[in-house]
Amino acid sequence: MITLCTACGTSYAVDAAAPDYCKICLDERQYVPVKGQQWIERDLLTTTHCNHWTQHQPQLFSLQTIPEFAIGQRAFIIQTPEGNILWDCIACLDEATKTLVHALGGLTAIALSHPHYYTTMQDWAAEFNAPIYLHSDDQQWIMRRSPAIKLWEGESLSLTSQIRLIRLGGHFAGGSVLHWSTEEGVLLAGDIIQVTPGADAVSFMWSYPNLLPLPAQSVCSIRDRLAPLRFAKIYGAFNGQNILQRGDDIVRQSSAKYLSCLQPIGASPSEETLTRAHATQ
C-alpha cells in the first residue's frame, strides 16, 4: 500500500499501518503540523482532488492540485523536440492527468529541484516509463526506492540540447534549477530561488516555513553559479510566481539586496569579504 503524508505529500510504501512519522517533516526545513502527522492512501487522494492545468507559453504547462494538497507546489511540463520533461512533481496523478500527458507525447524524463517535491515521483515514472533525475547529494531523502531513479553528480546535467539542470545548493545540498535555453531563456526555479509576492524580486531561504535564512556564502554561490546563464523568465514553485522579463538581472539585484541585509547596521557590504567567504566554502 502507498500512503502519503498530508503535510508534505511524500509517499511511503507500507505493509499495513502508516508510519509513525514522516522523515521529511521532522527535518527543520519542513514541519510536523500541530495536530500531528496525518496520512492519506494514495488512491483516495484522486477521489477528492484533481489537477488544474495552465499554459504559460508555447510548450510550457504547469499542473497544480485542487483543492490544495500538502505544500501546494506546481509541476511543469516542457515540450521539446527531444521529448517532454516533467519538472518537479505533485502527489496527485489522476486519470485525466494520465490521459493528457500521454496525449502530449508522454515523458522522456522527470527532474526534481529538491526532496520536498519528490511526492509520488515513482508513480509518474512508472506510468510514463520515464527516468527520474535526482542529485546524489539528496539521496538520503528518497523514501521509496524505484528502478527509475538516476542519481546525478556534479554541478550540471544536460537532459536535452536545450535543457540543463544546475545544482545551486542552498535550501538543500543538491538543490537544483532547470535552465531552458530558448531565445529569451527560462529558469524553472522550484523554491531553490523563491519569487517574491510582487513578482519583481527573488529571495533565498534554508527553511521557508520556519523562516531560517541562508548565510551569505550560500547566496554568493547561488549568484555565481547562475551568472553565466541568460534567462528573461523565472517560474517559481507556486501559483503567481512568474517573472516574465529581466529574470537574470533581478536575481543579481536581489542577491545584492539580500547580502546587504546581512551586514551589521551601518556597515556597507564588502564584495571582497563575501567573495573570500565563498572561496572558503
C-alpha atoms as a PDB file:
ATOM      1  CA  MET A   1       0.000   0.000   0.000  1.00  0.00           C
ATOM      2  CA  ILE A   2       1.175   3.540  -0.742  1.00  0.00           C
ATOM      3  CA  THR A   3       0.388   6.225   1.796  1.00  0.00           C
ATOM      4  CA  LEU A   4       1.022   9.960   1.589  1.00  0.00           C
ATOM      5  CA  CYS A   5       1.996  12.454   4.263  1.00  0.00           C
ATOM      6  CA  THR A   6      -0.692  15.141   4.147  1.00  0.00           C
ATOM      7  CA  ALA A   7       1.757  17.838   5.293  1.00  0.00           C
ATOM      8  CA  CYS A   8       4.372  17.420   2.542  1.00  0.00           C
ATOM      9  CA  GLY A   9       2.950  14.855   0.094  1.00  0.00           C
ATOM     10  CA  THR A  10       5.857  12.412   0.407  1.00  0.00           C
ATOM     11  CA  SER A  11       4.840   8.842  -0.405  1.00  0.00           C
ATOM     12  CA  TYR A  12       5.769   5.746   1.584  1.00  0.00           C
ATOM     13  CA  ALA A  13       5.283   2.052   0.848  1.00  0.00           C
ATOM     14  CA  VAL A  14       3.794   0.332   3.895  1.00  0.00           C
ATOM     15  CA  ASP A  15       2.515  -3.145   4.697  1.00  0.00           C
ATOM     16  CA  ALA A  16      -0.441  -2.028   6.799  1.00  0.00           C
ATOM     17  CA  ALA A  17      -0.331   0.925   9.198  1.00  0.00           C
ATOM     18  CA  ALA A  18       1.034   4.312   8.191  1.00  0.00           C
ATOM     19  CA  PRO A  19       4.490   5.270   9.535  1.00  0.00           C
ATOM     20  CA  ASP A  20       4.759   6.876  12.947  1.00  0.00           C
ATOM     21  CA  TYR A  21       6.365   9.933  11.400  1.00  0.00           C
ATOM     22  CA  CYS A  22       7.465  11.473   8.112  1.00  0.00           C
ATOM     23  CA  LYS A  23      11.237  11.904   7.898  1.00  0.00           C
ATOM     24  CA  ILE A  24      10.835  14.886   5.558  1.00  0.00           C
ATOM     25  CA  CYS A  25       8.600  16.715   8.043  1.00  0.00           C
ATOM     26  CA  LEU A  26      10.892  16.044  11.003  1.00  0.00           C
ATOM     27  CA  ASP A  27      13.671  17.959   9.271  1.00  0.00           C
ATOM     28  CA  GLU A  28      13.825  21.668  10.169  1.00  0.00           C
ATOM     29  CA  ARG A  29      13.202  22.679   6.562  1.00  0.00           C
ATOM     30  CA  GLN A  30       9.642  21.343   6.875  1.00  0.00           C
ATOM     31  CA  TYR A  31       7.473  20.867   9.973  1.00  0.00           C
ATOM     32  CA  VAL A  32       5.159  18.461  11.782  1.00  0.00           C
ATOM     33  CA  PRO A  33       1.679  20.047  11.999  1.00  0.00           C
ATOM     34  CA  VAL A  34       0.342  20.978  15.435  1.00  0.00           C
ATOM     35  CA  LYS A  35      -2.265  18.216  15.152  1.00  0.00           C
ATOM     36  CA  GLY A  36       0.448  15.681  14.416  1.00  0.00           C
ATOM     37  CA  GLN A  37       1.436  13.635  11.408  1.00  0.00           C
ATOM     38  CA  GLN A  38      -1.513  12.585   9.262  1.00  0.00           C
ATOM     39  CA  TRP A  39      -1.748  10.298   6.238  1.00  0.00           C
ATOM     40  CA  ILE A  40      -3.969   9.501   3.271  1.00  0.00           C
ATOM     41  CA  GLU A  41      -3.891   6.492   0.994  1.00  0.00           C
ATOM     42  CA  ARG A  42      -2.604   7.409  -2.455  1.00  0.00           C
ATOM     43  CA  ASP A  43      -5.628   6.013  -4.268  1.00  0.00           C
ATOM     44  CA  LEU A  44      -8.020   8.016  -2.072  1.00  0.00           C
ATOM     45  CA  LEU A  45      -6.378  11.313  -2.999  1.00  0.00           C
ATOM     46  CA  THR A  46      -7.676  11.196  -6.569  1.00  0.00           C
ATOM     47  CA  THR A  47     -11.258  10.765  -5.335  1.00  0.00           C
ATOM     48  CA  THR A  48     -11.173  14.183  -3.648  1.00  0.00           C
ATOM     49  CA  HIS A  49      -8.578  16.104  -5.709  1.00  0.00           C
ATOM     50  CA  CYS A  50      -7.711  16.763  -9.343  1.00  0.00           C
ATOM     51  CA  ASN A  51      -5.130  18.785 -11.256  1.00  0.00           C
ATOM     52  CA  HIS A  52      -5.597  22.207 -12.817  1.00  0.00           C
ATOM     53  CA  TRP A  53      -3.554  22.925 -15.954  1.00  0.00           C
ATOM     54  CA  THR A  54      -2.170  26.266 -17.139  1.00  0.00           C
ATOM     55  CA  GLN A  55      -0.302  27.019 -20.369  1.00  0.00           C
ATOM     56  CA  HIS A  56       2.254  29.753 -19.671  1.00  0.00           C
ATOM     57  CA  GLN A  57       3.782  29.981 -23.148  1.00  0.00           C
ATOM     58  CA  PRO A  58       4.158  27.646 -26.121  1.00  0.00           C
ATOM     59  CA  GLN A  59       5.466  24.262 -24.950  1.00  0.00           C
ATOM     60  CA  LEU A  60       5.262  25.115 -21.234  1.00  0.00           C
ATOM     61  CA  PHE A  61       2.441  23.907 -18.956  1.00  0.00           C
ATOM     62  CA  SER A  62       2.026  23.819 -15.191  1.00  0.00           C
ATOM     63  CA  LEU A  63      -0.112  21.466 -13.124  1.00  0.00           C
ATOM     64  CA  GLN A  64      -1.415  22.252  -9.659  1.00  0.00           C
ATOM     65  CA  THR A  65      -3.639  20.116  -7.435  1.00  0.00           C
ATOM     66  CA  ILE A  66      -7.031  21.479  -6.361  1.00  0.00           C
ATOM     67  CA  PRO A  67      -8.116  21.818  -3.667  1.00  0.00           C
ATOM     68  CA  GLU A  68      -4.602  22.475  -2.408  1.00  0.00           C
ATOM     69  CA  PHE A  69      -2.831  19.419  -1.033  1.00  0.00           C
ATOM     70  CA  ALA A  70       0.240  19.300   1.219  1.00  0.00           C
ATOM     71  CA  ILE A  71       2.795  22.011   0.286  1.00  0.00           C
ATOM     72  CA  GLY A  72       0.754  23.134  -2.711  1.00  0.00           C
ATOM     73  CA  GLN A  73       3.553  23.418  -5.283  1.00  0.00           C
ATOM     74  CA  ARG A  74       3.064  23.133  -9.017  1.00  0.00           C
ATOM     75  CA  ALA A  75       4.798  20.857 -11.501  1.00  0.00           C
ATOM     76  CA  PHE A  76       5.775  21.829 -15.054  1.00  0.00           C
ATOM     77  CA  ILE A  77       5.833  20.010 -18.363  1.00  0.00           C
ATOM     78  CA  ILE A  78       8.179  21.290 -21.070  1.00  0.00           C
ATOM     79  CA  GLN A  79       7.598  20.052 -24.601  1.00  0.00           C
ATOM     80  CA  THR A  80      10.794  19.721 -26.649  1.00  0.00           C
ATOM     81  CA  PRO A  81      11.645  18.056 -29.985  1.00  0.00           C
ATOM     82  CA  GLU A  82      13.675  15.538 -27.927  1.00  0.00           C
ATOM     83  CA  GLY A  83      10.788  14.620 -25.640  1.00  0.00           C
ATOM     84  CA  ASN A  84       8.767  16.081 -22.801  1.00  0.00           C
ATOM     85  CA  ILE A  85      10.297  16.886 -19.403  1.00  0.00           C
ATOM     86  CA  LEU A  86       8.395  16.897 -16.098  1.00  0.00           C
ATOM     87  CA  TRP A  87       9.966  19.407 -13.710  1.00  0.00           C
ATOM     88  CA  ASP A  88       9.170  18.869 -10.041  1.00  0.00           C
ATOM     89  CA  CYS A  89       6.270  16.684  -9.022  1.00  0.00           C
ATOM     90  CA  ILE A  90       2.875  16.762  -7.354  1.00  0.00           C
ATOM     91  CA  ALA A  91       1.332  13.896  -5.418  1.00  0.00           C
ATOM     92  CA  CYS A  92      -1.938  13.696  -7.345  1.00  0.00           C
ATOM     93  CA  LEU A  93      -1.714  11.616 -10.519  1.00  0.00           C
ATOM     94  CA  ASP A  94      -5.355  11.366 -11.560  1.00  0.00           C
ATOM     95  CA  GLU A  95      -6.782   9.698 -14.668  1.00  0.00           C
ATOM     96  CA  ALA A  96      -7.294  12.979 -16.501  1.00  0.00           C
ATOM     97  CA  THR A  97      -3.639  13.892 -15.992  1.00  0.00           C
ATOM     98  CA  LYS A  98      -2.516  10.490 -17.270  1.00  0.00           C
ATOM     99  CA  THR A  99      -4.665  10.932 -20.392  1.00  0.00           C
ATOM    100  CA  LEU A 100      -3.464  14.469 -21.082  1.00  0.00           C
ATOM    101  CA  VAL A 101       0.234  13.706 -20.571  1.00  0.00           C
ATOM    102  CA  HIS A 102       0.028  10.670 -22.845  1.00  0.00           C
ATOM    103  CA  ALA A 103      -1.774  12.811 -25.441  1.00  0.00           C
ATOM    104  CA  LEU A 104       1.092  15.343 -25.297  1.00  0.00           C
ATOM    105  CA  GLY A 105       3.545  12.555 -26.077  1.00  0.00           C
ATOM    106  CA  GLY A 106       4.333  11.172 -22.630  1.00  0.00           C
ATOM    107  CA  LEU A 107       7.506  11.968 -20.728  1.00  0.00           C
ATOM    108  CA  THR A 108      11.141  11.458 -21.636  1.00  0.00           C
ATOM    109  CA  ALA A 109      12.492  12.462 -18.227  1.00  0.00           C
ATOM    110  CA  ILE A 110      11.468  13.620 -14.759  1.00  0.00           C
ATOM    111  CA  ALA A 111      13.725  16.015 -12.851  1.00  0.00           C
ATOM    112  CA  LEU A 112      13.260  17.484  -9.396  1.00  0.00           C
ATOM    113  CA  SER A 113      14.589  20.526  -7.602  1.00  0.00           C
ATOM    114  CA  HIS A 114      14.721  19.083  -4.069  1.00  0.00           C
ATOM    115  CA  PRO A 115      13.173  16.482  -1.712  1.00  0.00           C
ATOM    116  CA  HIS A 116      10.059  18.456  -0.699  1.00  0.00           C
ATOM    117  CA  TYR A 117       8.679  17.782  -4.179  1.00  0.00           C
ATOM    118  CA  TYR A 118       9.584  14.094  -4.536  1.00  0.00           C
ATOM    119  CA  THR A 119       5.976  13.152  -3.569  1.00  0.00           C
ATOM    120  CA  THR A 120       4.817  10.334  -5.906  1.00  0.00           C
ATOM    121  CA  MET A 121       7.602  10.677  -8.492  1.00  0.00           C
ATOM    122  CA  GLN A 122       7.897   6.877  -8.539  1.00  0.00           C
ATOM    123  CA  ASP A 123       4.305   6.546  -9.796  1.00  0.00           C
ATOM    124  CA  TRP A 124       4.786   9.173 -12.513  1.00  0.00           C
ATOM    125  CA  ALA A 125       7.918   7.331 -13.657  1.00  0.00           C
ATOM    126  CA  ALA A 126       6.092   4.002 -13.782  1.00  0.00           C
ATOM    127  CA  GLU A 127       3.090   5.429 -15.649  1.00  0.00           C
ATOM    128  CA  PHE A 128       5.160   7.167 -18.339  1.00  0.00           C
ATOM    129  CA  ASN A 129       8.194   4.858 -18.379  1.00  0.00           C
ATOM    130  CA  ALA A 130      10.494   7.789 -17.674  1.00  0.00           C
ATOM    131  CA  PRO A 131      13.738   8.047 -15.656  1.00  0.00           C
ATOM    132  CA  ILE A 132      13.864  10.278 -12.578  1.00  0.00           C
ATOM    133  CA  TYR A 133      16.921  12.520 -12.217  1.00  0.00           C
ATOM    134  CA  LEU A 134      17.827  13.439  -8.622  1.00  0.00           C
ATOM    135  CA  HIS A 135      21.044  14.975  -7.389  1.00  0.00           C
ATOM    136  CA  SER A 136      23.085  12.436  -5.432  1.00  0.00           C
ATOM    137  CA  ASP A 137      23.635  14.912  -2.574  1.00  0.00           C
ATOM    138  CA  ASP A 138      19.970  14.472  -1.615  1.00  0.00           C
ATOM    139  CA  GLN A 139      19.674  10.699  -1.905  1.00  0.00           C
ATOM    140  CA  GLN A 140      19.144  10.252   1.850  1.00  0.00           C
ATOM    141  CA  TRP A 141      15.687  11.825   1.407  1.00  0.00           C
ATOM    142  CA  ILE A 142      14.376   9.188  -1.010  1.00  0.00           C
ATOM    143  CA  MET A 143      11.593   7.482   0.949  1.00  0.00           C
ATOM    144  CA  ARG A 144      10.534   4.999  -1.768  1.00  0.00           C
ATOM    145  CA  ARG A 145      13.074   3.256  -3.945  1.00  0.00           C
ATOM    146  CA  SER A 146      12.431   2.902  -7.663  1.00  0.00           C
ATOM    147  CA  PRO A 147      14.480   1.452 -10.534  1.00  0.00           C
ATOM    148  CA  ALA A 148      13.641   4.652 -12.439  1.00  0.00           C
ATOM    149  CA  ILE A 149      15.736   6.829 -10.106  1.00  0.00           C
ATOM    150  CA  LYS A 150      19.006   8.010 -11.632  1.00  0.00           C
ATOM    151  CA  LEU A 151      21.364   9.876  -9.315  1.00  0.00           C
ATOM    152  CA  TRP A 152      23.467  12.546 -10.963  1.00  0.00           C
ATOM    153  CA  GLU A 153      26.558  14.239  -9.589  1.00  0.00           C
ATOM    154  CA  GLY A 154      28.482  17.422 -10.124  1.00  0.00           C
ATOM    155  CA  GLU A 155      27.251  20.900 -10.962  1.00  0.00           C
ATOM    156  CA  SER A 156      25.123  20.368 -14.076  1.00  0.00           C
ATOM    157  CA  LEU A 157      23.382  17.734 -16.182  1.00  0.00           C
ATOM    158  CA  SER A 158      22.045  18.140 -19.733  1.00  0.00           C
ATOM    159  CA  LEU A 159      18.682  16.471 -20.355  1.00  0.00           C
ATOM    160  CA  THR A 160      18.289  17.725 -23.937  1.00  0.00           C
ATOM    161  CA  SER A 161      20.206  20.073 -26.211  1.00  0.00           C
ATOM    162  CA  GLN A 162      18.271  22.995 -24.668  1.00  0.00           C
ATOM    163  CA  ILE A 163      17.572  21.835 -21.118  1.00  0.00           C
ATOM    164  CA  ARG A 164      20.134  21.611 -18.365  1.00  0.00           C
ATOM    165  CA  LEU A 165      19.907  21.041 -14.614  1.00  0.00           C
ATOM    166  CA  ILE A 166      22.102  23.318 -12.490  1.00  0.00           C
ATOM    167  CA  ARG A 167      22.948  22.434  -8.887  1.00  0.00           C
ATOM    168  CA  LEU A 168      22.761  25.556  -6.734  1.00  0.00           C
ATOM    169  CA  GLY A 169      22.646  24.049  -3.245  1.00  0.00           C
ATOM    170  CA  GLY A 170      21.259  26.392  -0.609  1.00  0.00           C
ATOM    171  CA  HIS A 171      17.874  25.080   0.510  1.00  0.00           C
ATOM    172  CA  PHE A 172      19.223  21.507   0.116  1.00  0.00           C
ATOM    173  CA  ALA A 173      22.734  20.341  -0.728  1.00  0.00           C
ATOM    174  CA  GLY A 174      21.542  19.022  -4.086  1.00  0.00           C
ATOM    175  CA  GLY A 175      19.054  21.840  -4.672  1.00  0.00           C
ATOM    176  CA  SER A 176      18.778  22.393  -8.413  1.00  0.00           C
ATOM    177  CA  VAL A 177      17.085  24.570 -11.004  1.00  0.00           C
ATOM    178  CA  LEU A 178      16.267  23.902 -14.643  1.00  0.00           C
ATOM    179  CA  HIS A 179      17.594  26.198 -17.362  1.00  0.00           C
ATOM    180  CA  TRP A 180      15.814  26.126 -20.733  1.00  0.00           C
ATOM    181  CA  SER A 181      17.915  27.911 -23.343  1.00  0.00           C
ATOM    182  CA  THR A 182      15.194  29.331 -25.541  1.00  0.00           C
ATOM    183  CA  GLU A 183      15.760  32.646 -27.326  1.00  0.00           C
ATOM    184  CA  GLU A 184      14.693  34.502 -24.153  1.00  0.00           C
ATOM    185  CA  GLY A 185      15.909  31.925 -21.675  1.00  0.00           C
ATOM    186  CA  VAL A 186      13.710  30.355 -18.975  1.00  0.00           C
ATOM    187  CA  LEU A 187      14.591  29.321 -15.416  1.00  0.00           C
ATOM    188  CA  LEU A 188      12.345  26.881 -13.557  1.00  0.00           C
ATOM    189  CA  ALA A 189      13.417  27.550 -10.000  1.00  0.00           C
ATOM    190  CA  GLY A 190      11.276  25.461  -7.650  1.00  0.00           C
ATOM    191  CA  ASP A 191      11.873  27.282  -4.401  1.00  0.00           C
ATOM    192  CA  ILE A 192      15.640  26.993  -4.535  1.00  0.00           C
ATOM    193  CA  ILE A 193      15.160  30.588  -5.646  1.00  0.00           C
ATOM    194  CA  GLN A 194      11.906  31.989  -4.263  1.00  0.00           C
ATOM    195  CA  VAL A 195       9.978  34.513  -6.345  1.00  0.00           C
ATOM    196  CA  THR A 196       8.578  37.160  -4.009  1.00  0.00           C
ATOM    197  CA  PRO A 197       4.860  38.152  -3.944  1.00  0.00           C
ATOM    198  CA  GLY A 198       5.321  41.194  -6.183  1.00  0.00           C
ATOM    199  CA  ALA A 199       6.993  39.001  -8.830  1.00  0.00           C
ATOM    200  CA  ASP A 200       9.713  41.636  -9.175  1.00  0.00           C
ATOM    201  CA  ALA A 201      12.369  40.137  -6.894  1.00  0.00           C
ATOM    202  CA  VAL A 202      13.618  36.821  -5.545  1.00  0.00           C
ATOM    203  CA  SER A 203      14.932  35.623  -2.219  1.00  0.00           C
ATOM    204  CA  PHE A 204      16.663  32.640  -0.673  1.00  0.00           C
ATOM    205  CA  MET A 205      15.932  30.569   2.442  1.00  0.00           C
ATOM    206  CA  TRP A 206      17.232  27.464   4.164  1.00  0.00           C
ATOM    207  CA  SER A 207      13.780  26.806   5.658  1.00  0.00           C
ATOM    208  CA  TYR A 208      10.737  28.601   4.281  1.00  0.00           C
ATOM    209  CA  PRO A 209       8.072  27.536   6.811  1.00  0.00           C
ATOM    210  CA  ASN A 210      10.423  28.102   9.756  1.00  0.00           C
ATOM    211  CA  LEU A 211      11.871  31.352   8.344  1.00  0.00           C
ATOM    212  CA  LEU A 212      15.518  30.360   8.573  1.00  0.00           C
ATOM    213  CA  PRO A 213      17.686  32.275   6.069  1.00  0.00           C
ATOM    214  CA  LEU A 214      20.702  31.193   4.074  1.00  0.00           C
ATOM    215  CA  PRO A 215      24.136  32.504   5.029  1.00  0.00           C
ATOM    216  CA  ALA A 216      25.921  34.997   2.811  1.00  0.00           C
ATOM    217  CA  GLN A 217      28.358  32.482   1.336  1.00  0.00           C
ATOM    218  CA  SER A 218      25.498  30.263   0.117  1.00  0.00           C
ATOM    219  CA  VAL A 219      23.808  33.190  -1.620  1.00  0.00           C
ATOM    220  CA  CYS A 220      27.125  34.192  -3.200  1.00  0.00           C
ATOM    221  CA  SER A 221      27.495  30.652  -4.503  1.00  0.00           C
ATOM    222  CA  ILE A 222      23.986  30.650  -5.995  1.00  0.00           C
ATOM    223  CA  ARG A 223      24.562  34.046  -7.597  1.00  0.00           C
ATOM    224  CA  ASP A 224      27.893  32.994  -9.092  1.00  0.00           C
ATOM    225  CA  ARG A 225      26.608  29.690 -10.477  1.00  0.00           C
ATOM    226  CA  LEU A 226      23.787  31.490 -12.260  1.00  0.00           C
ATOM    227  CA  ALA A 227      25.946  34.355 -13.528  1.00  0.00           C
ATOM    228  CA  PRO A 228      26.903  32.702 -16.860  1.00  0.00           C
ATOM    229  CA  LEU A 229      23.273  31.920 -17.719  1.00  0.00           C
ATOM    230  CA  ARG A 230      20.837  34.171 -19.543  1.00  0.00           C
ATOM    231  CA  PHE A 231      17.142  33.976 -18.703  1.00  0.00           C
ATOM    232  CA  ALA A 232      14.402  36.548 -19.042  1.00  0.00           C
ATOM    233  CA  LYS A 233      11.751  34.433 -17.334  1.00  0.00           C
ATOM    234  CA  ILE A 234      11.622  32.710 -13.950  1.00  0.00           C
ATOM    235  CA  TYR A 235       8.818  30.357 -12.935  1.00  0.00           C
ATOM    236  CA  GLY A 236       8.734  29.537  -9.228  1.00  0.00           C
ATOM    237  CA  ALA A 237       7.157  26.721  -7.294  1.00  0.00           C
ATOM    238  CA  PHE A 238       3.796  28.330  -6.560  1.00  0.00           C
ATOM    239  CA  ASN A 239       0.927  29.930  -8.417  1.00  0.00           C
ATOM    240  CA  GLY A 240       1.629  33.524  -9.453  1.00  0.00           C
ATOM    241  CA  GLN A 241       5.404  33.214  -9.049  1.00  0.00           C
ATOM    242  CA  ASN A 242       6.162  34.226 -12.620  1.00  0.00           C
ATOM    243  CA  ILE A 243       8.821  36.771 -13.551  1.00  0.00           C
ATOM    244  CA  LEU A 244       8.394  37.432 -17.266  1.00  0.00           C
ATOM    245  CA  GLN A 245      11.264  39.779 -18.058  1.00  0.00           C
ATOM    246  CA  ARG A 246      14.770  40.627 -16.815  1.00  0.00           C
ATOM    247  CA  GLY A 247      14.967  37.478 -14.726  1.00  0.00           C
ATOM    248  CA  ASP A 248      18.758  37.268 -14.654  1.00  0.00           C
ATOM    249  CA  ASP A 249      19.080  40.968 -13.721  1.00  0.00           C
ATOM    250  CA  ILE A 250      16.519  40.507 -10.968  1.00  0.00           C
ATOM    251  CA  VAL A 251      18.482  37.601  -9.476  1.00  0.00           C
ATOM    252  CA  ARG A 252      21.658  39.717  -9.407  1.00  0.00           C
ATOM    253  CA  GLN A 253      19.900  42.717  -7.872  1.00  0.00           C
ATOM    254  CA  SER A 254      18.047  40.579  -5.325  1.00  0.00           C
ATOM    255  CA  SER A 255      21.275  38.821  -4.337  1.00  0.00           C
ATOM    256  CA  ALA A 256      22.914  42.164  -3.657  1.00  0.00           C
ATOM    257  CA  LYS A 257      19.926  43.316  -1.583  1.00  0.00           C
ATOM    258  CA  TYR A 258      19.867  40.069   0.415  1.00  0.00           C
ATOM    259  CA  LEU A 259      23.600  40.306   1.153  1.00  0.00           C
ATOM    260  CA  SER A 260      23.289  43.942   2.215  1.00  0.00           C
ATOM    261  CA  CYS A 261      20.596  42.955   4.715  1.00  0.00           C
ATOM    262  CA  LEU A 262      23.030  40.551   6.394  1.00  0.00           C
ATOM    263  CA  GLN A 263      25.515  43.342   7.150  1.00  0.00           C
ATOM    264  CA  PRO A 264      25.749  44.913  10.629  1.00  0.00           C
ATOM    265  CA  ILE A 265      23.727  48.091  10.982  1.00  0.00           C
ATOM    266  CA  GLY A 266      25.629  50.986   9.440  1.00  0.00           C
ATOM    267  CA  ALA A 267      28.064  48.769   7.566  1.00  0.00           C
ATOM    268  CA  SER A 268      28.370  48.532   3.794  1.00  0.00           C
ATOM    269  CA  PRO A 269      28.614  45.110   2.189  1.00  0.00           C
ATOM    270  CA  SER A 270      32.159  44.252   1.167  1.00  0.00           C
ATOM    271  CA  GLU A 271      32.245  42.284  -2.072  1.00  0.00           C
ATOM    272  CA  GLU A 272      35.836  41.303  -1.314  1.00  0.00           C
ATOM    273  CA  THR A 273      34.786  39.841   2.037  1.00  0.00           C
ATOM    274  CA  LEU A 274      31.837  37.990   0.527  1.00  0.00           C
ATOM    275  CA  THR A 275      33.942  36.605  -2.303  1.00  0.00           C
ATOM    276  CA  ARG A 276      36.567  35.427   0.190  1.00  0.00           C
ATOM    277  CA  ALA A 277      33.821  33.723   2.262  1.00  0.00           C
ATOM    278  CA  HIS A 278      32.540  31.994  -0.863  1.00  0.00           C
ATOM    279  CA  ALA A 279      36.028  30.791  -1.742  1.00  0.00           C
ATOM    280  CA  THR A 280      36.393  29.100   1.663  1.00  0.00           C
ATOM    281  CA  GLN A 281      33.168  27.062   1.376  1.00  0.00           C
END
